[in-house]
C-alpha atoms as a PDB file:
ATOM      1  CA  UNK A   1     120.849  87.014 112.761  1.00  0.00           C
ATOM      2  CA  UNK A   2     120.434  84.675 109.458  1.00  0.00           C
ATOM      3  CA  UNK A   3     121.426  86.203 106.679  1.00  0.00           C
ATOM      4  CA  UNK A   4     120.305  85.085 102.895  1.00  0.00           C
ATOM      5  CA  UNK A   5     121.097  85.482 100.242  1.00  0.00           C
ATOM      6  CA  UNK A   6     118.972  84.666  96.868  1.00  0.00           C
ATOM      7  CA  UNK A   7     119.540  83.793  93.435  1.00  0.00           C
ATOM      8  CA  UNK A   8     116.415  85.128  91.090  1.00  0.00           C
ATOM      9  CA  UNK A   9     115.758  85.321  88.060  1.00  0.00           C
ATOM     10  CA  UNK A  10     111.991  84.781  86.749  1.00  0.00           C
ATOM     11  CA  UNK A  11     108.989  85.900  88.898  1.00  0.00           C
ATOM     12  CA  UNK A  12     110.070  85.064  92.144  1.00  0.00           C
ATOM     13  CA  UNK A  13     107.269  83.873  93.765  1.00  0.00           C
ATOM     14  CA  UNK A  14     109.114  81.521  96.007  1.00  0.00           C
ATOM     15  CA  UNK A  15     111.633  84.926  96.667  1.00  0.00           C
ATOM     16  CA  UNK A  16     108.268  86.086  98.018  1.00  0.00           C
ATOM     17  CA  UNK A  17     106.781  83.092  99.990  1.00  0.00           C
ATOM     18  CA  UNK A  18     110.653  83.405 101.855  1.00  0.00           C
ATOM     19  CA  UNK A  19     109.947  87.366 102.672  1.00  0.00           C
ATOM     20  CA  UNK A  20     106.233  87.204 103.521  1.00  0.00           C
ATOM     21  CA  UNK A  21     107.080  84.282 106.228  1.00  0.00           C
ATOM     22  CA  UNK A  22     110.436  86.375 107.778  1.00  0.00           C
ATOM     23  CA  UNK A  23     108.112  89.747 107.812  1.00  0.00           C
ATOM     24  CA  UNK A  24     105.163  86.966 110.147  1.00  0.00           C
ATOM     25  CA  UNK A  25     107.144  85.758 112.006  1.00  0.00           C
ATOM     26  CA  UNK A  26     107.148  82.745 110.441  1.00  0.00           C
ATOM     27  CA  UNK A  27     111.124  82.201 109.629  1.00  0.00           C
ATOM     28  CA  UNK A  28     112.555  83.382 113.481  1.00  0.00           C
ATOM     29  CA  UNK A  29     115.730  85.782 113.104  1.00  0.00           C
ATOM     30  CA  UNK A  30     116.627  85.903 109.868  1.00  0.00           C
ATOM     31  CA  UNK A  31     116.896  88.505 107.452  1.00  0.00           C
ATOM     32  CA  UNK A  32     117.192  88.236 103.233  1.00  0.00           C
ATOM     33  CA  UNK A  33     120.827  90.402 103.005  1.00  0.00           C
ATOM     34  CA  UNK A  34     120.671  90.644  98.924  1.00  0.00           C
ATOM     35  CA  UNK A  35     118.621  89.112  95.568  1.00  0.00           C
ATOM     36  CA  UNK A  36     121.361  88.550  93.211  1.00  0.00           C
ATOM     37  CA  UNK A  37     119.901  88.427  89.568  1.00  0.00           C
ATOM     38  CA  UNK A  38     120.786  87.139  86.143  1.00  0.00           C
ATOM     39  CA  UNK A  39     118.386  89.321  85.094  1.00  0.00           C
ATOM     40  CA  UNK A  40     118.508  93.067  85.074  1.00  0.00           C
ATOM     41  CA  UNK A  41     114.023  92.712  84.257  1.00  0.00           C
ATOM     42  CA  UNK A  42     113.573  89.980  86.228  1.00  0.00           C
ATOM     43  CA  UNK A  43     110.257  91.483  88.586  1.00  0.00           C
ATOM     44  CA  UNK A  44     111.951  89.769  91.569  1.00  0.00           C
ATOM     45  CA  UNK A  45     113.855  92.289  91.654  1.00  0.00           C
ATOM     46  CA  UNK A  46     111.383  94.495  92.238  1.00  0.00           C
ATOM     47  CA  UNK A  47     109.562  92.460  95.213  1.00  0.00           C
ATOM     48  CA  UNK A  48     112.980  92.635  96.513  1.00  0.00           C
ATOM     49  CA  UNK A  49     113.187  95.868  96.201  1.00  0.00           C
ATOM     50  CA  UNK A  50     109.232  96.762  97.496  1.00  0.00           C
ATOM     51  CA  UNK A  51     110.787  95.726 101.020  1.00  0.00           C
ATOM     52  CA  UNK A  52     113.978  97.315 101.250  1.00  0.00           C
ATOM     53  CA  UNK A  53     115.890  94.618 100.229  1.00  0.00           C
ATOM     54  CA  UNK A  54     119.176  94.948  98.352  1.00  0.00           C
ATOM     55  CA  UNK A  55     119.252  94.111  95.083  1.00  0.00           C
ATOM     56  CA  UNK A  56     121.952  93.702  92.454  1.00  0.00           C
ATOM     57  CA  UNK A  57     122.323  92.803  88.599  1.00  0.00           C
ATOM     58  CA  UNK A  58     125.497  90.129  87.547  1.00  0.00           C
ATOM     59  CA  UNK A  59     124.299  88.953  84.086  1.00  0.00           C
ATOM     60  CA  UNK A  60     125.982  85.675  82.754  1.00  0.00           C
ATOM     61  CA  UNK A  61     126.952  87.349  79.255  1.00  0.00           C
ATOM     62  CA  UNK A  62     129.388  89.658  81.241  1.00  0.00           C
ATOM     63  CA  UNK A  63     131.497  86.758  81.781  1.00  0.00           C
ATOM     64  CA  UNK A  64     133.829  83.931  79.733  1.00  0.00           C
ATOM     65  CA  UNK A  65     133.391  81.354  81.381  1.00  0.00           C
ATOM     66  CA  UNK A  66     130.807  80.191  83.909  1.00  0.00           C
ATOM     67  CA  UNK A  67     133.397  79.690  86.596  1.00  0.00           C
ATOM     68  CA  UNK A  68     134.012  83.574  86.214  1.00  0.00           C
ATOM     69  CA  UNK A  69     130.258  83.900  86.459  1.00  0.00           C
ATOM     70  CA  UNK A  70     130.285  81.427  89.546  1.00  0.00           C
ATOM     71  CA  UNK A  71     133.457  83.700  91.584  1.00  0.00           C
ATOM     72  CA  UNK A  72     131.441  87.143  90.973  1.00  0.00           C
ATOM     73  CA  UNK A  73     128.307  85.960  92.707  1.00  0.00           C
ATOM     74  CA  UNK A  74     130.516  84.175  95.506  1.00  0.00           C
ATOM     75  CA  UNK A  75     132.214  87.586  95.999  1.00  0.00           C
ATOM     76  CA  UNK A  76     129.204  88.904  96.142  1.00  0.00           C
ATOM     77  CA  UNK A  77     127.492  87.310  98.065  1.00  0.00           C
ATOM     78  CA  UNK A  78     130.475  86.840 100.469  1.00  0.00           C
ATOM     79  CA  UNK A  79     130.770  90.977 101.427  1.00  0.00           C
ATOM     80  CA  UNK A  80     126.190  90.538 101.701  1.00  0.00           C
ATOM     81  CA  UNK A  81     127.922  88.308 105.477  1.00  0.00           C
ATOM     82  CA  UNK A  82     125.960  85.912 103.748  1.00  0.00           C
ATOM     83  CA  UNK A  83     124.628  82.749 105.508  1.00  0.00           C
ATOM     84  CA  UNK A  84     121.892  80.280 103.964  1.00  0.00           C
ATOM     85  CA  UNK A  85     121.582  80.911  99.753  1.00  0.00           C
ATOM     86  CA  UNK A  86     118.455  80.211  98.223  1.00  0.00           C
ATOM     87  CA  UNK A  87     117.585  79.397  94.202  1.00  0.00           C
ATOM     88  CA  UNK A  88     114.397  81.011  93.602  1.00  0.00           C
ATOM     89  CA  UNK A  89     113.898  80.533  89.900  1.00  0.00           C
ATOM     90  CA  UNK A  90     117.552  81.034  89.229  1.00  0.00           C
ATOM     91  CA  UNK A  91     117.903  80.205  85.750  1.00  0.00           C
ATOM     92  CA  UNK A  92     121.671  79.745  85.542  1.00  0.00           C
ATOM     93  CA  UNK A  93     123.336  76.274  86.302  1.00  0.00           C
ATOM     94  CA  UNK A  94     126.240  76.721  89.058  1.00  0.00           C
ATOM     95  CA  UNK A  95     129.679  75.475  88.515  1.00  0.00           C
ATOM     96  CA  UNK A  96     131.925  72.926  91.371  1.00  0.00           C
ATOM     97  CA  UNK A  97     133.411  76.142  92.850  1.00  0.00           C
ATOM     98  CA  UNK A  98     130.384  77.927  93.529  1.00  0.00           C
ATOM     99  CA  UNK A  99     130.151  75.544  96.815  1.00  0.00           C
ATOM    100  CA  UNK A 100     133.236  75.869  98.007  1.00  0.00           C
ATOM    101  CA  UNK A 101     132.877  78.001 100.659  1.00  0.00           C
ATOM    102  CA  UNK A 102     128.637  77.469 100.799  1.00  0.00           C
ATOM    103  CA  UNK A 103     128.604  73.911 101.089  1.00  0.00           C
ATOM    104  CA  UNK A 104     125.326  72.038 102.947  1.00  0.00           C
ATOM    105  CA  UNK A 105     123.934  75.836 102.898  1.00  0.00           C
ATOM    106  CA  UNK A 106     122.249  76.535  98.880  1.00  0.00           C
ATOM    107  CA  UNK A 107     118.822  75.329  98.432  1.00  0.00           C
ATOM    108  CA  UNK A 108     116.270  74.972  95.866  1.00  0.00           C
ATOM    109  CA  UNK A 109     112.973  74.120  95.699  1.00  0.00           C
ATOM    110  CA  UNK A 110     111.867  71.386  92.074  1.00  0.00           C
ATOM    111  CA  UNK A 111     108.316  71.580  91.150  1.00  0.00           C
ATOM    112  CA  UNK A 112     107.653  67.977  90.968  1.00  0.00           C
ATOM    113  CA  UNK A 113     108.604  65.051  92.885  1.00  0.00           C
ATOM    114  CA  UNK A 114     112.629  64.140  92.847  1.00  0.00           C
ATOM    115  CA  UNK A 115     113.892  61.837  91.721  1.00  0.00           C
ATOM    116  CA  UNK A 116     111.284  62.017  89.321  1.00  0.00           C
ATOM    117  CA  UNK A 117     110.870  65.114  86.807  1.00  0.00           C
ATOM    118  CA  UNK A 118     114.543  66.560  87.477  1.00  0.00           C
ATOM    119  CA  UNK A 119     117.786  67.124  86.276  1.00  0.00           C
ATOM    120  CA  UNK A 120     118.662  68.700  83.048  1.00  0.00           C
ATOM    121  CA  UNK A 121     115.527  70.541  81.125  1.00  0.00           C
ATOM    122  CA  UNK A 122     113.439  69.644  83.633  1.00  0.00           C
ATOM    123  CA  UNK A 123     112.739  73.266  84.606  1.00  0.00           C
ATOM    124  CA  UNK A 124     108.755  75.780  84.936  1.00  0.00           C
ATOM    125  CA  UNK A 125     105.911  74.493  82.357  1.00  0.00           C
ATOM    126  CA  UNK A 126     108.316  71.644  81.028  1.00  0.00           C
ATOM    127  CA  UNK A 127     108.505  69.787  84.558  1.00  0.00           C
ATOM    128  CA  UNK A 128     104.474  70.389  84.343  1.00  0.00           C
ATOM    129  CA  UNK A 129     104.064  68.937  80.713  1.00  0.00           C
ATOM    130  CA  UNK A 130     106.143  66.181  81.045  1.00  0.00           C
ATOM    131  CA  UNK A 131     104.138  64.881  83.918  1.00  0.00           C
ATOM    132  CA  UNK A 132     100.759  65.593  82.536  1.00  0.00           C
ATOM    133  CA  UNK A 133     101.928  63.460  78.975  1.00  0.00           C
ATOM    134  CA  UNK A 134     103.651  60.964  81.639  1.00  0.00           C
ATOM    135  CA  UNK A 135      99.770  60.310  83.544  1.00  0.00           C
ATOM    136  CA  UNK A 136     100.607  61.016  86.441  1.00  0.00           C
ATOM    137  CA  UNK A 137      98.424  60.772  89.294  1.00  0.00           C
ATOM    138  CA  UNK A 138     100.795  62.152  91.874  1.00  0.00           C
ATOM    139  CA  UNK A 139     103.015  65.431  91.029  1.00  0.00           C
ATOM    140  CA  UNK A 140     104.294  68.384  94.127  1.00  0.00           C
ATOM    141  CA  UNK A 141     107.591  69.813  95.145  1.00  0.00           C
ATOM    142  CA  UNK A 142     111.077  69.453  96.253  1.00  0.00           C
ATOM    143  CA  UNK A 143     113.281  70.921  98.365  1.00  0.00           C
ATOM    144  CA  UNK A 144     117.014  70.567  98.339  1.00  0.00           C
ATOM    145  CA  UNK A 145     120.373  70.943  99.082  1.00  0.00           C
ATOM    146  CA  UNK A 146     121.855  71.677  95.657  1.00  0.00           C
ATOM    147  CA  UNK A 147     124.707  70.503  94.716  1.00  0.00           C
ATOM    148  CA  UNK A 148     126.998  70.610  91.370  1.00  0.00           C
ATOM    149  CA  UNK A 149     124.716  68.288  89.683  1.00  0.00           C
ATOM    150  CA  UNK A 150     121.377  68.654  89.241  1.00  0.00           C
ATOM    151  CA  UNK A 151     118.273  69.031  91.408  1.00  0.00           C
ATOM    152  CA  UNK A 152     120.756  65.713  92.791  1.00  0.00           C
ATOM    153  CA  UNK A 153     121.806  67.082  96.398  1.00  0.00           C
ATOM    154  CA  UNK A 154     120.323  65.909  99.333  1.00  0.00           C
ATOM    155  CA  UNK A 155     116.027  66.295 100.066  1.00  0.00           C
ATOM    156  CA  UNK A 156     115.099  68.826 102.937  1.00  0.00           C
ATOM    157  CA  UNK A 157     110.962  68.204 102.054  1.00  0.00           C
ATOM    158  CA  UNK A 158     108.833  67.141  99.731  1.00  0.00           C
ATOM    159  CA  UNK A 159     105.149  67.712  99.599  1.00  0.00           C
ATOM    160  CA  UNK A 160     102.626  66.036  97.312  1.00  0.00           C
ATOM    161  CA  UNK A 161      99.854  67.733  95.274  1.00  0.00           C
ATOM    162  CA  UNK A 162      97.038  65.420  93.308  1.00  0.00           C
ATOM    163  CA  UNK A 163      96.968  65.324  90.042  1.00  0.00           C
ATOM    164  CA  UNK A 164      92.992  66.665  88.608  1.00  0.00           C
ATOM    165  CA  UNK A 165      90.881  66.601  85.577  1.00  0.00           C
ATOM    166  CA  UNK A 166      91.564  68.736  83.044  1.00  0.00           C
ATOM    167  CA  UNK A 167      94.207  70.082  84.462  1.00  0.00           C
ATOM    168  CA  UNK A 168      96.685  71.515  82.275  1.00  0.00           C
ATOM    169  CA  UNK A 169     100.889  72.649  83.155  1.00  0.00           C
ATOM    170  CA  UNK A 170      99.516  76.302  83.471  1.00  0.00           C
ATOM    171  CA  UNK A 171      96.701  74.783  86.096  1.00  0.00           C
ATOM    172  CA  UNK A 172      99.184  72.476  87.700  1.00  0.00           C
ATOM    173  CA  UNK A 173     101.801  74.790  87.401  1.00  0.00           C
ATOM    174  CA  UNK A 174      99.850  76.776  90.437  1.00  0.00           C
ATOM    175  CA  UNK A 175      98.058  74.828  92.724  1.00  0.00           C
ATOM    176  CA  UNK A 176     101.679  73.176  92.568  1.00  0.00           C
ATOM    177  CA  UNK A 177     103.125  76.709  93.693  1.00  0.00           C
ATOM    178  CA  UNK A 178      99.942  77.071  95.685  1.00  0.00           C
ATOM    179  CA  UNK A 179      99.926  73.921  97.947  1.00  0.00           C
ATOM    180  CA  UNK A 180     103.665  72.689  97.871  1.00  0.00           C
ATOM    181  CA  UNK A 181     106.013  75.368  96.458  1.00  0.00           C
ATOM    182  CA  UNK A 182     105.186  78.060  99.205  1.00  0.00           C
ATOM    183  CA  UNK A 183     104.531  75.417 102.135  1.00  0.00           C
ATOM    184  CA  UNK A 184     107.614  73.794 102.203  1.00  0.00           C
ATOM    185  CA  UNK A 185     110.093  75.956 101.241  1.00  0.00           C
ATOM    186  CA  UNK A 186     109.648  79.030 103.802  1.00  0.00           C
ATOM    187  CA  UNK A 187     109.138  75.946 106.244  1.00  0.00           C
ATOM    188  CA  UNK A 188     113.439  74.441 104.825  1.00  0.00           C
ATOM    189  CA  UNK A 189     114.097  78.266 105.418  1.00  0.00           C
ATOM    190  CA  UNK A 190     112.506  78.210 109.269  1.00  0.00           C
ATOM    191  CA  UNK A 191     113.940  74.511 109.467  1.00  0.00           C
ATOM    192  CA  UNK A 192     117.803  75.481 108.470  1.00  0.00           C
ATOM    193  CA  UNK A 193     117.826  78.781 110.852  1.00  0.00           C
ATOM    194  CA  UNK A 194     116.661  76.563 113.725  1.00  0.00           C
ATOM    195  CA  UNK A 195     119.332  74.843 113.592  1.00  0.00           C
ATOM    196  CA  UNK A 196     117.361  71.505 113.406  1.00  0.00           C
ATOM    197  CA  UNK A 197     118.938  70.627 110.492  1.00  0.00           C
ATOM    198  CA  UNK A 198     122.593  67.406 109.649  1.00  0.00           C
ATOM    199  CA  UNK A 199     123.090  66.427 106.380  1.00  0.00           C
ATOM    200  CA  UNK A 200     124.556  62.974 106.172  1.00  0.00           C
ATOM    201  CA  UNK A 201     125.646  61.722 103.095  1.00  0.00           C
ATOM    202  CA  UNK A 202     122.673  61.887 101.323  1.00  0.00           C
ATOM    203  CA  UNK A 203     120.309  61.872 103.942  1.00  0.00           C
ATOM    204  CA  UNK A 204     118.316  64.978 105.737  1.00  0.00           C
ATOM    205  CA  UNK A 205     117.421  64.867 109.361  1.00  0.00           C
ATOM    206  CA  UNK A 206     115.179  66.636 111.011  1.00  0.00           C
ATOM    207  CA  UNK A 207     115.919  67.379 114.584  1.00  0.00           C
ATOM    208  CA  UNK A 208     112.871  67.307 117.017  1.00  0.00           C
END
């Protein structure tokens, strides 16, 4: 049984996609053991509680340093015997100490085609605003393993989405969620659960 811990800060739409994929059997032999938020009002917590998933709130402001905050997260994840960590709209940058015990076991989804429009400052609607301002014809989403450098970990899956005339950041955000994020994030977790992912440097191989 693969045990997942999810870190959230907001609405949790990608968390819901994972919850649904586990419930319908697409992601096999897997459970979400704990959902942790740094914000007590995150709607993602309600999504988790609704289906009986344990939740915990660990506010960043309660800690004097990023290191102490990260270690509190790690302690909670270990106490729930977590095998894989999913960042699902988690709006806090994790320091290097977080990854000591979880190398290549932390995933994130970014709403653009990394390395474009990624890194510090590129999150939420800011990504889609930048894509449209640049005049791109394509955008999309990327699932990657997380490292201390923002949006720089090994890429697992990417999926492109076309830019359409009249797109606003909000319209593009919704289409990328529906056509890319909610498709490739569950798929990446499924591949991990099946033991089909291997990492060598920056390269992620998918076993047949």
